[in-house]
Amino acid sequence: MFKKFTKEDISSQTSIKSSAQRAIRASLLKQCPLLSQPSEEPDTPLLEYIWPKKENITLVKCRDHLSIYALHGEPLWFQHFDGPLFPTLRLVHKYPNLLPHVGIDRGAIKFLLSGASMMCPGLTSPGGFLPLAESLIPEGTVVAIMAEGKEHAAGVGIMKLDSEEVKKVNKGVAVESVTYLGDDLWGMKTI
């Protein structure tokens, strides 16, 4: 999605009305329940640290029906058409527990960093990681892709199978990669 993305791909930037911002916040809280959990202060949800209610967010419309939501020029989330909201990899690095984690083995790292989808064997091999059955990750969930031996996420993707099905089938695409270290969104600190 961001393999060849430049500032020339941006068509417009507009400040979002407060009613639309409330809808986006509600969508984020529904999609990622962790955002409603208290963070540094006991009564303050994590979403307040990332995007304070009093701050206006900017909608950056780009080619191919891509929307990026930025706060003070820093991209926070993006969306393709009306699909799920994905956090940027920089946001995932600031808040590592924002998304559920899956892990790939060392052999899959070079494929992830070239934008490929993650295959089931890369997650089920000895260096890979999938959660236990009681922490099932359903199909369609946005996940952070961790690389074996690395501290921070190497990518963000969406599950194409639930985590237990990945273990059973063990072939085909498990996670569709959406953004990864080194893509053009990663290189763009501000919009």
N, C-alpha and C. Protein backbone atom coordinates (compact mmCIF):
# COMPACT_ATOMS: atom_id res chain seq x y z
N MET A 1 0.81 -1.18 0.00
CA MET A 1 0.00 0.00 0.00
C MET A 1 0.87 1.26 0.00
N PHE A 2 2.00 1.22 0.71
CA PHE A 2 2.87 2.38 0.78
C PHE A 2 4.23 2.11 0.16
N LYS A 3 4.28 1.19 -0.81
CA LYS A 3 5.55 0.85 -1.43
C LYS A 3 6.11 2.03 -2.21
N LYS A 4 5.27 2.71 -2.93
CA LYS A 4 5.69 3.89 -3.69
C LYS A 4 4.73 5.02 -3.36
N PHE A 5 4.97 5.64 -2.22
CA PHE A 5 4.09 6.69 -1.72
C PHE A 5 4.92 7.94 -1.47
N THR A 6 4.51 9.06 -2.05
CA THR A 6 5.21 10.32 -1.85
C THR A 6 4.20 11.40 -1.50
N LYS A 7 4.70 12.57 -1.15
CA LYS A 7 3.81 13.68 -0.82
C LYS A 7 3.00 14.12 -2.04
N GLU A 8 3.44 13.78 -3.24
CA GLU A 8 2.68 14.10 -4.46
C GLU A 8 1.41 13.26 -4.57
N ASP A 9 1.35 12.15 -3.84
CA ASP A 9 0.16 11.30 -3.85
C ASP A 9 -0.97 11.86 -2.98
N ILE A 10 -0.67 12.91 -2.23
CA ILE A 10 -1.67 13.54 -1.36
C ILE A 10 -2.49 14.50 -2.20
N SER A 11 -3.83 14.35 -2.15
CA SER A 11 -4.68 15.23 -2.95
C SER A 11 -5.26 16.38 -2.14
N SER A 12 -5.55 16.16 -0.83
CA SER A 12 -6.08 17.25 -0.01
C SER A 12 -5.88 16.96 1.47
N GLN A 13 -5.91 18.05 2.25
CA GLN A 13 -5.84 17.95 3.71
C GLN A 13 -6.94 18.84 4.27
N THR A 14 -7.79 18.27 5.12
CA THR A 14 -8.86 19.05 5.72
C THR A 14 -8.99 18.71 7.20
N SER A 15 -9.41 19.70 7.96
CA SER A 15 -9.69 19.49 9.37
C SER A 15 -11.06 18.82 9.46
N ILE A 16 -11.19 17.85 10.33
CA ILE A 16 -12.43 17.08 10.43
C ILE A 16 -13.37 17.73 11.45
N LYS A 17 -14.67 17.75 11.14
CA LYS A 17 -15.67 18.28 12.05
C LYS A 17 -15.71 17.43 13.32
N SER A 18 -16.14 18.04 14.40
CA SER A 18 -16.16 17.34 15.69
C SER A 18 -17.08 16.13 15.68
N SER A 19 -18.19 16.19 14.95
CA SER A 19 -19.09 15.03 14.90
C SER A 19 -18.42 13.85 14.20
N ALA A 20 -17.66 14.12 13.14
CA ALA A 20 -16.93 13.06 12.44
C ALA A 20 -15.80 12.53 13.32
N GLN A 21 -15.17 13.41 14.09
CA GLN A 21 -14.11 12.97 14.99
C GLN A 21 -14.66 12.03 16.06
N ARG A 22 -15.85 12.33 16.58
CA ARG A 22 -16.48 11.44 17.57
C ARG A 22 -16.74 10.06 16.96
N ALA A 23 -17.18 10.04 15.70
CA ALA A 23 -17.45 8.76 15.02
C ALA A 23 -16.15 7.98 14.84
N ILE A 24 -15.07 8.66 14.49
CA ILE A 24 -13.77 7.99 14.31
C ILE A 24 -13.29 7.45 15.64
N ARG A 25 -13.40 8.24 16.71
CA ARG A 25 -12.99 7.79 18.04
C ARG A 25 -13.78 6.55 18.46
N ALA A 26 -15.10 6.57 18.21
CA ALA A 26 -15.95 5.41 18.55
C ALA A 26 -15.52 4.18 17.76
N SER A 27 -15.21 4.38 16.50
CA SER A 27 -14.76 3.28 15.66
C SER A 27 -13.43 2.71 16.16
N LEU A 28 -12.52 3.58 16.56
CA LEU A 28 -11.23 3.14 17.10
C LEU A 28 -11.41 2.35 18.39
N LEU A 29 -12.28 2.84 19.27
CA LEU A 29 -12.51 2.14 20.54
C LEU A 29 -13.16 0.78 20.34
N LYS A 30 -14.04 0.69 19.33
CA LYS A 30 -14.69 -0.59 19.03
C LYS A 30 -13.68 -1.57 18.44
N GLN A 31 -12.84 -1.09 17.55
CA GLN A 31 -11.87 -1.93 16.86
C GLN A 31 -10.71 -2.33 17.77
N CYS A 32 -10.31 -1.44 18.65
CA CYS A 32 -9.16 -1.69 19.52
C CYS A 32 -9.52 -1.37 20.96
N PRO A 33 -10.10 -2.33 21.70
CA PRO A 33 -10.56 -2.08 23.07
C PRO A 33 -9.46 -1.59 24.01
N LEU A 34 -8.20 -1.88 23.71
CA LEU A 34 -7.10 -1.44 24.55
C LEU A 34 -7.04 0.08 24.66
N LEU A 35 -7.53 0.79 23.65
CA LEU A 35 -7.51 2.25 23.67
C LEU A 35 -8.37 2.83 24.78
N SER A 36 -9.33 2.07 25.27
CA SER A 36 -10.18 2.56 26.36
C SER A 36 -9.61 2.22 27.74
N GLN A 37 -8.55 1.43 27.77
CA GLN A 37 -7.93 1.05 29.04
C GLN A 37 -7.12 2.22 29.60
N PRO A 38 -7.08 2.37 30.94
CA PRO A 38 -6.24 3.41 31.53
C PRO A 38 -4.78 3.17 31.19
N SER A 39 -4.04 4.24 31.03
CA SER A 39 -2.64 4.12 30.68
C SER A 39 -1.76 4.63 31.82
N GLU A 40 -1.18 5.80 31.65
CA GLU A 40 -0.25 6.31 32.64
C GLU A 40 -0.96 6.84 33.88
N GLU A 41 -2.08 7.52 33.69
CA GLU A 41 -2.88 7.99 34.82
C GLU A 41 -4.08 7.05 34.96
N PRO A 42 -4.51 6.74 36.18
CA PRO A 42 -5.54 5.73 36.39
C PRO A 42 -6.85 5.94 35.64
N ASP A 43 -7.32 7.19 35.54
CA ASP A 43 -8.62 7.41 34.93
C ASP A 43 -8.55 7.92 33.50
N THR A 44 -7.38 7.94 32.90
CA THR A 44 -7.22 8.49 31.56
C THR A 44 -6.98 7.36 30.57
N PRO A 45 -7.89 7.16 29.61
CA PRO A 45 -7.69 6.09 28.63
C PRO A 45 -6.51 6.39 27.69
N LEU A 46 -5.95 5.34 27.14
CA LEU A 46 -4.80 5.45 26.25
C LEU A 46 -5.09 6.36 25.06
N LEU A 47 -6.31 6.32 24.53
CA LEU A 47 -6.66 7.16 23.38
C LEU A 47 -6.45 8.64 23.68
N GLU A 48 -6.64 9.05 24.93
CA GLU A 48 -6.44 10.45 25.31
C GLU A 48 -4.98 10.88 25.18
N TYR A 49 -4.04 9.95 25.39
CA TYR A 49 -2.62 10.26 25.23
C TYR A 49 -2.24 10.36 23.76
N ILE A 50 -2.83 9.48 22.97
CA ILE A 50 -2.52 9.46 21.54
C ILE A 50 -3.19 10.63 20.84
N TRP A 51 -4.48 10.84 21.13
CA TRP A 51 -5.27 11.86 20.46
C TRP A 51 -6.19 12.51 21.48
N PRO A 52 -5.74 13.59 22.14
CA PRO A 52 -6.59 14.27 23.12
C PRO A 52 -7.87 14.79 22.49
N LYS A 53 -8.97 14.75 23.24
CA LYS A 53 -10.28 15.16 22.72
C LYS A 53 -10.30 16.59 22.21
N LYS A 54 -9.55 17.46 22.82
CA LYS A 54 -9.56 18.87 22.43
C LYS A 54 -8.74 19.16 21.18
N GLU A 55 -7.98 18.18 20.73
CA GLU A 55 -7.13 18.36 19.54
C GLU A 55 -7.90 17.97 18.28
N ASN A 56 -7.77 18.79 17.25
CA ASN A 56 -8.39 18.47 15.96
C ASN A 56 -7.46 17.60 15.14
N ILE A 57 -8.04 16.61 14.54
CA ILE A 57 -7.27 15.71 13.67
C ILE A 57 -7.51 16.13 12.23
N THR A 58 -6.52 15.90 11.39
CA THR A 58 -6.58 16.28 9.99
C THR A 58 -6.76 15.03 9.13
N LEU A 59 -7.68 15.11 8.19
CA LEU A 59 -7.88 14.04 7.22
C LEU A 59 -7.04 14.36 6.00
N VAL A 60 -6.14 13.46 5.66
CA VAL A 60 -5.28 13.62 4.49
C VAL A 60 -5.76 12.59 3.46
N LYS A 61 -6.36 13.09 2.38
CA LYS A 61 -6.85 12.19 1.33
C LYS A 61 -5.74 11.98 0.31
N CYS A 62 -5.57 10.71 -0.06
CA CYS A 62 -4.49 10.34 -0.98
C CYS A 62 -5.06 9.53 -2.14
N ARG A 63 -4.19 9.20 -3.07
CA ARG A 63 -4.59 8.39 -4.23
C ARG A 63 -5.10 7.02 -3.78
N ASP A 64 -5.80 6.35 -4.65
CA ASP A 64 -6.30 4.99 -4.41
C ASP A 64 -7.20 4.89 -3.18
N HIS A 65 -8.00 5.92 -2.91
CA HIS A 65 -8.98 5.92 -1.81
C HIS A 65 -8.33 5.66 -0.45
N LEU A 66 -7.18 6.23 -0.24
CA LEU A 66 -6.45 6.07 1.01
C LEU A 66 -6.63 7.33 1.84
N SER A 67 -7.00 7.16 3.10
CA SER A 67 -7.16 8.28 4.03
C SER A 67 -6.18 8.11 5.17
N ILE A 68 -5.48 9.20 5.49
CA ILE A 68 -4.54 9.19 6.61
C ILE A 68 -5.05 10.22 7.62
N TYR A 69 -5.09 9.84 8.89
CA TYR A 69 -5.51 10.75 9.94
C TYR A 69 -4.25 11.19 10.69
N ALA A 70 -4.02 12.51 10.71
CA ALA A 70 -2.80 13.05 11.29
C ALA A 70 -3.12 14.06 12.39
N LEU A 71 -2.27 14.10 13.39
CA LEU A 71 -2.37 15.06 14.48
C LEU A 71 -1.10 15.90 14.48
N HIS A 72 -1.25 17.20 14.26
CA HIS A 72 -0.12 18.12 14.15
C HIS A 72 0.88 17.66 13.09
N GLY A 73 0.37 17.12 12.00
CA GLY A 73 1.20 16.68 10.89
C GLY A 73 1.76 15.27 11.03
N GLU A 74 1.61 14.65 12.19
CA GLU A 74 2.13 13.30 12.40
C GLU A 74 1.04 12.27 12.07
N PRO A 75 1.29 11.41 11.09
CA PRO A 75 0.29 10.38 10.75
C PRO A 75 0.09 9.42 11.93
N LEU A 76 -1.18 9.19 12.30
CA LEU A 76 -1.49 8.27 13.40
C LEU A 76 -2.18 7.01 12.90
N TRP A 77 -3.22 7.17 12.09
CA TRP A 77 -3.97 6.04 11.56
C TRP A 77 -4.17 6.24 10.07
N PHE A 78 -4.46 5.15 9.38
CA PHE A 78 -4.81 5.24 7.97
C PHE A 78 -5.88 4.21 7.67
N GLN A 79 -6.56 4.43 6.56
CA GLN A 79 -7.70 3.59 6.19
C GLN A 79 -7.78 3.52 4.68
N HIS A 80 -8.09 2.35 4.16
CA HIS A 80 -8.29 2.16 2.73
C HIS A 80 -9.78 1.96 2.49
N PHE A 81 -10.38 2.80 1.64
CA PHE A 81 -11.84 2.83 1.44
C PHE A 81 -12.50 2.97 2.82
N ASP A 82 -13.44 2.11 3.15
CA ASP A 82 -14.10 2.14 4.45
C ASP A 82 -13.67 0.97 5.31
N GLY A 83 -12.46 0.45 5.06
CA GLY A 83 -11.95 -0.70 5.80
C GLY A 83 -11.57 -0.33 7.22
N PRO A 84 -10.88 -1.23 7.90
CA PRO A 84 -10.49 -0.97 9.29
C PRO A 84 -9.46 0.16 9.35
N LEU A 85 -9.38 0.79 10.51
CA LEU A 85 -8.36 1.81 10.76
C LEU A 85 -7.10 1.10 11.23
N PHE A 86 -5.99 1.39 10.56
CA PHE A 86 -4.70 0.80 10.91
C PHE A 86 -3.84 1.85 11.59
N PRO A 87 -3.20 1.54 12.71
CA PRO A 87 -2.25 2.49 13.28
C PRO A 87 -0.97 2.48 12.44
N THR A 88 -0.30 3.61 12.40
CA THR A 88 0.99 3.64 11.71
C THR A 88 1.99 2.85 12.54
N LEU A 89 3.04 2.41 11.92
CA LEU A 89 4.06 1.64 12.62
C LEU A 89 4.76 2.48 13.68
N ARG A 90 4.91 3.77 13.44
CA ARG A 90 5.50 4.66 14.45
C ARG A 90 4.63 4.69 15.71
N LEU A 91 3.32 4.70 15.54
CA LEU A 91 2.40 4.69 16.69
C LEU A 91 2.51 3.36 17.43
N VAL A 92 2.64 2.27 16.71
CA VAL A 92 2.79 0.96 17.33
C VAL A 92 4.11 0.89 18.10
N HIS A 93 5.14 1.55 17.61
CA HIS A 93 6.42 1.56 18.33
C HIS A 93 6.31 2.37 19.63
N LYS A 94 5.51 3.45 19.62
CA LYS A 94 5.32 4.24 20.84
C LYS A 94 4.48 3.49 21.87
N TYR A 95 3.48 2.77 21.38
CA TYR A 95 2.55 2.03 22.25
C TYR A 95 2.55 0.56 21.81
N PRO A 96 3.54 -0.22 22.23
CA PRO A 96 3.72 -1.58 21.71
C PRO A 96 2.56 -2.54 21.97
N ASN A 97 1.77 -2.30 22.99
CA ASN A 97 0.67 -3.22 23.29
C ASN A 97 -0.65 -2.76 22.70
N LEU A 98 -0.59 -1.85 21.74
CA LEU A 98 -1.79 -1.32 21.10
C LEU A 98 -2.54 -2.41 20.33
N LEU A 99 -1.81 -3.32 19.72
CA LEU A 99 -2.40 -4.38 18.89
C LEU A 99 -1.99 -5.75 19.40
N PRO A 100 -2.78 -6.79 19.09
CA PRO A 100 -2.33 -8.15 19.37
C PRO A 100 -1.09 -8.46 18.52
N HIS A 101 -0.20 -9.32 19.02
CA HIS A 101 1.04 -9.63 18.33
C HIS A 101 1.03 -11.02 17.72
N VAL A 102 1.63 -11.12 16.54
CA VAL A 102 2.00 -12.40 15.97
C VAL A 102 3.48 -12.28 15.62
N GLY A 103 4.18 -13.38 15.57
CA GLY A 103 5.62 -13.33 15.32
C GLY A 103 6.01 -14.18 14.13
N ILE A 104 6.98 -13.67 13.37
CA ILE A 104 7.50 -14.42 12.22
C ILE A 104 8.93 -14.86 12.52
N ASP A 105 9.34 -15.93 11.87
CA ASP A 105 10.71 -16.41 12.05
C ASP A 105 11.68 -15.58 11.22
N ARG A 106 12.97 -15.79 11.43
CA ARG A 106 14.00 -14.99 10.75
C ARG A 106 13.92 -15.11 9.23
N GLY A 107 13.52 -16.25 8.73
CA GLY A 107 13.45 -16.45 7.29
C GLY A 107 12.40 -15.61 6.60
N ALA A 108 11.38 -15.18 7.34
CA ALA A 108 10.29 -14.40 6.75
C ALA A 108 10.54 -12.89 6.80
N ILE A 109 11.56 -12.46 7.55
CA ILE A 109 11.79 -11.02 7.73
C ILE A 109 12.05 -10.32 6.40
N LYS A 110 12.91 -10.89 5.56
CA LYS A 110 13.23 -10.21 4.29
C LYS A 110 11.99 -10.09 3.40
N PHE A 111 11.07 -11.04 3.48
CA PHE A 111 9.84 -10.97 2.68
C PHE A 111 8.90 -9.90 3.23
N LEU A 112 8.81 -9.80 4.57
CA LEU A 112 7.99 -8.76 5.18
C LEU A 112 8.51 -7.38 4.79
N LEU A 113 9.82 -7.20 4.84
CA LEU A 113 10.41 -5.90 4.53
C LEU A 113 10.37 -5.54 3.04
N SER A 114 9.91 -6.47 2.23
CA SER A 114 9.68 -6.16 0.82
C SER A 114 8.18 -6.03 0.52
N GLY A 115 7.35 -6.14 1.57
CA GLY A 115 5.92 -5.91 1.42
C GLY A 115 5.07 -7.15 1.20
N ALA A 116 5.65 -8.33 1.32
CA ALA A 116 4.91 -9.57 1.08
C ALA A 116 3.97 -9.89 2.24
N SER A 117 2.92 -10.63 1.94
CA SER A 117 2.04 -11.15 2.98
C SER A 117 2.76 -12.25 3.74
N MET A 118 2.40 -12.45 5.00
CA MET A 118 3.05 -13.47 5.82
C MET A 118 2.31 -14.79 5.69
N MET A 119 3.06 -15.81 5.38
CA MET A 119 2.49 -17.13 5.17
C MET A 119 2.42 -17.90 6.50
N CYS A 120 1.54 -18.86 6.56
CA CYS A 120 1.33 -19.65 7.78
C CYS A 120 2.62 -20.29 8.32
N PRO A 121 3.47 -20.92 7.47
CA PRO A 121 4.68 -21.55 8.01
C PRO A 121 5.62 -20.57 8.72
N GLY A 122 5.63 -19.30 8.31
CA GLY A 122 6.47 -18.31 8.97
C GLY A 122 6.03 -18.01 10.39
N LEU A 123 4.74 -18.25 10.68
CA LEU A 123 4.20 -18.01 12.02
C LEU A 123 4.22 -19.27 12.89
N THR A 124 4.18 -20.44 12.26
CA THR A 124 4.10 -21.69 13.03
C THR A 124 5.45 -22.38 13.21
N SER A 125 6.49 -21.91 12.52
CA SER A 125 7.82 -22.52 12.66
C SER A 125 8.40 -22.21 14.04
N PRO A 126 9.49 -22.85 14.43
CA PRO A 126 10.06 -22.63 15.77
C PRO A 126 10.35 -21.16 16.12
N GLY A 127 10.70 -20.32 15.17
CA GLY A 127 10.96 -18.91 15.47
C GLY A 127 9.72 -18.04 15.44
N GLY A 128 8.61 -18.57 14.95
CA GLY A 128 7.37 -17.80 14.86
C GLY A 128 6.60 -17.80 16.16
N PHE A 129 5.52 -17.03 16.19
CA PHE A 129 4.71 -16.94 17.41
C PHE A 129 3.25 -16.71 17.06
N LEU A 130 2.40 -17.49 17.65
CA LEU A 130 0.95 -17.29 17.63
C LEU A 130 0.46 -17.45 19.06
N PRO A 131 -0.58 -16.72 19.46
CA PRO A 131 -1.05 -16.83 20.85
C PRO A 131 -1.68 -18.20 21.12
N LEU A 132 -1.80 -18.51 22.39
CA LEU A 132 -2.45 -19.75 22.80
C LEU A 132 -3.92 -19.73 22.41
N ALA A 133 -4.55 -20.89 22.42
CA ALA A 133 -5.95 -21.03 21.99
C ALA A 133 -6.90 -20.12 22.76
N GLU A 134 -6.63 -19.92 24.06
CA GLU A 134 -7.54 -19.06 24.84
C GLU A 134 -7.41 -17.58 24.50
N SER A 135 -6.34 -17.19 23.80
CA SER A 135 -6.15 -15.80 23.35
C SER A 135 -6.31 -15.72 21.83
N LEU A 136 -7.28 -16.42 21.30
CA LEU A 136 -7.52 -16.50 19.86
C LEU A 136 -7.58 -15.12 19.20
N ILE A 137 -6.90 -14.97 18.08
CA ILE A 137 -7.00 -13.75 17.28
C ILE A 137 -7.91 -14.07 16.11
N PRO A 138 -9.09 -13.44 16.04
CA PRO A 138 -10.04 -13.75 14.96
C PRO A 138 -9.58 -13.24 13.60
N GLU A 139 -10.13 -13.83 12.57
CA GLU A 139 -9.89 -13.37 11.20
C GLU A 139 -10.36 -11.92 11.08
N GLY A 140 -9.60 -11.11 10.34
CA GLY A 140 -9.96 -9.71 10.14
C GLY A 140 -9.43 -8.77 11.20
N THR A 141 -8.69 -9.29 12.18
CA THR A 141 -8.13 -8.45 13.25
C THR A 141 -6.84 -7.80 12.78
N VAL A 142 -6.66 -6.54 13.11
CA VAL A 142 -5.42 -5.83 12.81
C VAL A 142 -4.39 -6.26 13.85
N VAL A 143 -3.19 -6.67 13.40
CA VAL A 143 -2.16 -7.18 14.29
C VAL A 143 -0.81 -6.51 14.03
N ALA A 144 0.03 -6.52 15.06
CA ALA A 144 1.42 -6.09 14.93
C ALA A 144 2.23 -7.34 14.58
N ILE A 145 3.08 -7.22 13.57
CA ILE A 145 3.91 -8.35 13.15
C ILE A 145 5.29 -8.17 13.77
N MET A 146 5.63 -9.06 14.69
CA MET A 146 6.92 -9.02 15.37
C MET A 146 7.88 -9.95 14.64
N ALA A 147 9.15 -9.57 14.61
CA ALA A 147 10.17 -10.41 13.96
C ALA A 147 11.00 -11.09 15.04
N GLU A 148 11.37 -12.33 14.78
CA GLU A 148 12.16 -13.11 15.74
C GLU A 148 13.44 -12.37 16.11
N GLY A 149 13.66 -12.21 17.40
CA GLY A 149 14.87 -11.58 17.89
C GLY A 149 14.83 -10.06 17.91
N LYS A 150 13.73 -9.45 17.54
CA LYS A 150 13.62 -7.98 17.50
C LYS A 150 12.66 -7.51 18.58
N GLU A 151 12.91 -6.30 19.10
CA GLU A 151 12.11 -5.76 20.19
C GLU A 151 10.83 -5.10 19.71
N HIS A 152 10.89 -4.38 18.59
CA HIS A 152 9.73 -3.63 18.10
C HIS A 152 9.09 -4.33 16.90
N ALA A 153 7.85 -3.95 16.63
CA ALA A 153 7.12 -4.52 15.50
C ALA A 153 7.81 -4.16 14.19
N ALA A 154 7.81 -5.10 13.27
CA ALA A 154 8.40 -4.87 11.94
C ALA A 154 7.32 -4.53 10.92
N GLY A 155 6.06 -4.74 11.29
CA GLY A 155 4.98 -4.44 10.36
C GLY A 155 3.63 -4.49 11.05
N VAL A 156 2.63 -4.03 10.30
CA VAL A 156 1.24 -4.10 10.74
C VAL A 156 0.48 -4.79 9.61
N GLY A 157 -0.42 -5.68 9.98
CA GLY A 157 -1.18 -6.40 8.97
C GLY A 157 -2.56 -6.77 9.47
N ILE A 158 -3.26 -7.52 8.64
CA ILE A 158 -4.61 -7.96 9.00
C ILE A 158 -4.67 -9.48 8.85
N MET A 159 -5.23 -10.13 9.85
CA MET A 159 -5.31 -11.60 9.84
C MET A 159 -6.27 -12.07 8.74
N LYS A 160 -5.83 -13.02 7.93
CA LYS A 160 -6.66 -13.60 6.89
C LYS A 160 -7.32 -14.90 7.36
N LEU A 161 -6.79 -15.48 8.43
CA LEU A 161 -7.36 -16.67 9.08
C LEU A 161 -7.28 -16.42 10.58
N ASP A 162 -8.13 -17.08 11.37
CA ASP A 162 -7.95 -16.92 12.81
C ASP A 162 -6.71 -17.70 13.24
N SER A 163 -6.17 -17.36 14.40
CA SER A 163 -4.87 -17.92 14.81
C SER A 163 -4.89 -19.44 14.97
N GLU A 164 -5.99 -20.01 15.38
CA GLU A 164 -6.07 -21.47 15.51
C GLU A 164 -6.13 -22.14 14.14
N GLU A 165 -6.79 -21.50 13.19
CA GLU A 165 -6.87 -22.05 11.84
C GLU A 165 -5.50 -22.01 11.17
N VAL A 166 -4.72 -20.97 11.46
CA VAL A 166 -3.35 -20.88 10.93
C VAL A 166 -2.55 -22.10 11.37
N LYS A 167 -2.69 -22.47 12.65
CA LYS A 167 -1.97 -23.63 13.18
C LYS A 167 -2.42 -24.93 12.51
N LYS A 168 -3.73 -25.06 12.25
CA LYS A 168 -4.26 -26.28 11.64
C LYS A 168 -3.89 -26.40 10.17
N VAL A 169 -4.13 -25.33 9.40
CA VAL A 169 -3.91 -25.37 7.95
C VAL A 169 -2.43 -25.36 7.62
N ASN A 170 -1.69 -24.46 8.22
CA ASN A 170 -0.25 -24.30 8.06
C ASN A 170 0.22 -24.15 6.61
N LYS A 171 -0.60 -23.54 5.77
CA LYS A 171 -0.16 -23.15 4.44
C LYS A 171 -1.07 -22.05 3.92
N GLY A 172 -0.54 -21.26 3.03
CA GLY A 172 -1.28 -20.12 2.51
C GLY A 172 -1.00 -18.85 3.31
N VAL A 173 -1.73 -17.79 2.97
CA VAL A 173 -1.53 -16.48 3.60
C VAL A 173 -2.20 -16.45 4.97
N ALA A 174 -1.45 -16.04 5.99
CA ALA A 174 -1.99 -15.90 7.34
C ALA A 174 -2.26 -14.44 7.68
N VAL A 175 -1.32 -13.56 7.30
CA VAL A 175 -1.45 -12.13 7.61
C VAL A 175 -1.11 -11.34 6.35
N GLU A 176 -2.05 -10.48 5.95
CA GLU A 176 -1.78 -9.59 4.82
C GLU A 176 -1.05 -8.37 5.36
N SER A 177 0.15 -8.15 4.87
CA SER A 177 0.97 -7.03 5.31
C SER A 177 0.40 -5.72 4.76
N VAL A 178 0.28 -4.70 5.61
CA VAL A 178 -0.29 -3.42 5.20
C VAL A 178 0.76 -2.32 5.22
N THR A 179 1.57 -2.28 6.26
CA THR A 179 2.69 -1.34 6.35
C THR A 179 3.84 -2.04 7.07
N TYR A 180 5.06 -1.64 6.77
CA TYR A 180 6.22 -2.33 7.32
C TYR A 180 7.39 -1.36 7.41
N LEU A 181 8.40 -1.74 8.17
CA LEU A 181 9.59 -0.92 8.31
C LEU A 181 10.21 -0.65 6.94
N GLY A 182 10.52 0.60 6.68
CA GLY A 182 11.18 0.95 5.44
C GLY A 182 10.25 1.32 4.31
N ASP A 183 8.93 1.15 4.46
CA ASP A 183 8.04 1.59 3.38
C ASP A 183 7.97 3.12 3.40
N ASP A 184 7.28 3.69 2.44
CA ASP A 184 7.28 5.15 2.31
C ASP A 184 6.49 5.84 3.41
N LEU A 185 5.53 5.20 4.04
CA LEU A 185 4.83 5.80 5.18
C LEU A 185 5.78 5.87 6.37
N TRP A 186 6.59 4.85 6.57
CA TRP A 186 7.58 4.84 7.65
C TRP A 186 8.56 6.01 7.46
N GLY A 187 8.96 6.26 6.24
CA GLY A 187 9.90 7.33 5.95
C GLY A 187 9.31 8.72 6.09
N MET A 188 7.99 8.82 6.12
CA MET A 188 7.32 10.12 6.19
C MET A 188 6.94 10.41 7.64
N LYS A 189 7.76 11.18 8.34
CA LYS A 189 7.48 11.48 9.76
C LYS A 189 6.35 12.48 9.90
N THR A 190 6.23 13.41 8.97
CA THR A 190 5.14 14.39 9.00
C THR A 190 4.53 14.50 7.61
N ILE A 191 3.28 14.93 7.59
CA ILE A 191 2.58 15.11 6.31
C ILE A 191 2.33 16.58 6.13
